[in-house]
Amino acid sequence: MFFLLLTGFSAMATVEPESNPAPAIGTENLFGKVFKEDTRRPLQNVTVTAILLNKKEKFTFTDTDGEFGIEELKPGTYKIIFEKDGYRKVVRDKVNIRTNEPIELNIEMEYLEYNLFPSPFHFFLVD
């Protein structure tokens, strides 16, 4: 019994996580590029989520060139959401995905500037 547990543990320790290779060019249903609005430079690590009928179908991240691709989406009308900390979320509603008809979305994301100083209203006491 002890030998079986040890062997099972050994096998589990050698399993490597499955990598998520980039889709082959031309196989994406949805692809494009994300840019910083002010500089038009590519924006890396943006989460791109495809939602069909209020159910998250697939998501991916932009690469160092701001490019993304999602393949094997079911045909239908999707909501596509682009999110990155420090940037205003971008939502594209009613994106129609059809079989063998790739859709290209090129997106600009606006950087959010945060005010680090409190408003004067923070200092009023309410009785």
Protein backbone atom coordinates (compact mmCIF):
# COMPACT_ATOMS: atom_id res chain seq x y z
CA MET A 1 0.00 0.00 0.00
CA PHE A 2 2.77 2.43 0.92
CA PHE A 3 4.57 1.62 -2.34
CA LEU A 4 1.47 2.44 -4.43
CA LEU A 5 0.98 5.80 -2.74
CA LEU A 6 4.62 6.70 -3.26
CA THR A 7 4.48 5.66 -6.91
CA GLY A 8 1.31 7.68 -7.51
CA PHE A 9 2.88 10.72 -5.89
CA SER A 10 5.95 10.36 -8.05
CA ALA A 11 3.84 10.23 -11.22
CA MET A 12 1.87 13.29 -10.17
CA ALA A 13 5.04 15.26 -9.48
CA THR A 14 6.38 14.67 -13.00
CA VAL A 15 3.24 15.84 -14.83
CA GLU A 16 3.83 19.22 -16.41
CA PRO A 17 1.06 21.77 -16.95
CA GLU A 18 -0.48 21.81 -20.39
CA SER A 19 0.81 24.70 -22.45
CA ASN A 20 -1.60 26.84 -24.43
CA PRO A 21 0.11 27.34 -27.80
CA ALA A 22 -0.91 30.24 -30.01
CA PRO A 23 -3.47 29.27 -32.64
CA ALA A 24 -2.20 28.57 -36.13
CA ILE A 25 -2.50 31.55 -38.46
CA GLY A 26 -5.80 31.49 -40.28
CA THR A 27 -7.59 29.19 -37.82
CA GLU A 28 -8.95 31.90 -35.51
CA ASN A 29 -12.61 32.87 -35.50
CA LEU A 30 -11.69 36.11 -33.76
CA PHE A 31 -8.36 37.92 -33.91
CA GLY A 32 -6.92 41.39 -33.73
CA LYS A 33 -4.67 43.77 -31.89
CA VAL A 34 -5.01 46.00 -28.81
CA PHE A 35 -3.31 49.40 -28.62
CA LYS A 36 -2.78 52.08 -25.98
CA GLU A 37 -5.09 54.91 -26.99
CA ASP A 38 -2.62 57.76 -26.40
CA THR A 39 0.52 56.26 -27.96
CA ARG A 40 -0.91 53.67 -30.39
CA ARG A 41 1.66 51.18 -29.03
CA PRO A 42 0.69 47.51 -28.59
CA LEU A 43 -0.79 46.63 -25.20
CA GLN A 44 0.38 43.33 -23.68
CA ASN A 45 -1.51 41.06 -21.23
CA VAL A 46 -5.00 42.34 -21.99
CA THR A 47 -7.63 39.72 -21.12
CA VAL A 48 -9.92 39.11 -24.10
CA THR A 49 -13.11 37.23 -23.16
CA ALA A 50 -15.77 35.91 -25.57
CA ILE A 51 -19.23 35.49 -24.01
CA LEU A 52 -22.12 33.71 -25.77
CA LEU A 53 -25.59 33.76 -24.18
CA ASN A 54 -24.25 35.08 -20.85
CA LYS A 55 -21.78 32.18 -20.62
CA LYS A 56 -18.02 32.69 -20.88
CA GLU A 57 -16.94 30.59 -23.83
CA LYS A 58 -13.23 31.31 -24.13
CA PHE A 59 -10.60 33.82 -23.16
CA THR A 60 -7.02 34.64 -24.04
CA PHE A 61 -4.39 37.31 -23.43
CA THR A 62 -2.66 39.64 -25.84
CA ASP A 63 1.00 38.92 -26.56
CA THR A 64 3.96 41.33 -26.53
CA ASP A 65 2.79 42.76 -29.87
CA GLY A 66 -0.74 43.34 -28.53
CA GLU A 67 -2.10 40.56 -30.74
CA PHE A 68 -4.70 37.95 -29.78
CA GLY A 69 -6.58 35.10 -31.40
CA ILE A 70 -9.42 32.86 -30.27
CA GLU A 71 -10.20 29.76 -32.28
CA GLU A 72 -13.04 27.23 -32.38
CA LEU A 73 -15.80 29.55 -31.22
CA LYS A 74 -19.31 28.26 -31.81
CA PRO A 75 -21.30 30.29 -34.36
CA GLY A 76 -23.44 32.94 -32.67
CA THR A 77 -23.59 36.51 -31.39
CA TYR A 78 -20.93 37.27 -28.81
CA LYS A 79 -20.04 39.97 -26.35
CA ILE A 80 -16.27 40.51 -26.44
CA ILE A 81 -14.66 42.12 -23.37
CA PHE A 82 -11.16 43.61 -23.22
CA GLU A 83 -9.78 44.18 -19.69
CA LYS A 84 -6.48 45.24 -18.16
CA ASP A 85 -5.74 46.79 -14.77
CA GLY A 86 -5.25 50.53 -15.07
CA TYR A 87 -7.24 50.78 -18.32
CA ARG A 88 -10.90 51.44 -19.09
CA LYS A 89 -12.72 48.20 -19.97
CA VAL A 90 -13.85 47.94 -23.61
CA VAL A 91 -16.95 45.93 -24.53
CA ARG A 92 -18.03 45.05 -28.06
CA ASP A 93 -21.62 43.75 -28.15
CA LYS A 94 -23.25 41.83 -30.97
CA VAL A 95 -20.13 40.43 -32.65
CA ASN A 96 -21.43 37.78 -35.06
CA ILE A 97 -19.18 34.73 -35.36
CA ARG A 98 -19.84 32.48 -38.35
CA THR A 99 -18.13 29.28 -39.43
CA ASN A 100 -15.11 29.94 -41.70
CA GLU A 101 -15.57 33.73 -41.51
CA PRO A 102 -12.89 35.20 -39.21
CA ILE A 103 -13.61 38.54 -37.52
CA GLU A 104 -10.86 41.10 -36.87
CA LEU A 105 -11.19 43.50 -33.93
CA ASN A 106 -8.54 46.17 -33.39
CA ILE A 107 -9.10 47.96 -30.10
CA GLU A 108 -7.73 51.09 -28.41
CA MET A 109 -7.76 51.13 -24.61
CA GLU A 110 -7.73 54.32 -22.54
CA TYR A 111 -5.33 54.57 -19.61
CA LEU A 112 -7.10 55.56 -16.38
CA GLU A 113 -5.38 58.26 -14.38
CA TYR A 114 -5.94 57.98 -10.67
CA ASN A 115 -6.07 60.99 -8.37
CA LEU A 116 -3.87 60.15 -5.41
CA PHE A 117 -5.03 63.13 -3.34
CA PRO A 118 -8.30 62.99 -1.39
CA SER A 119 -11.12 65.32 -2.23
CA PRO A 120 -11.71 68.22 0.22
CA PHE A 121 -15.07 66.58 1.00
CA HIS A 122 -13.23 63.73 2.74
CA PHE A 123 -12.37 66.07 5.60
CA PHE A 124 -15.90 67.09 6.61
CA LEU A 125 -17.42 65.45 9.68
CA VAL A 126 -21.07 64.58 9.65
CA ASP A 127 -23.00 64.75 12.96
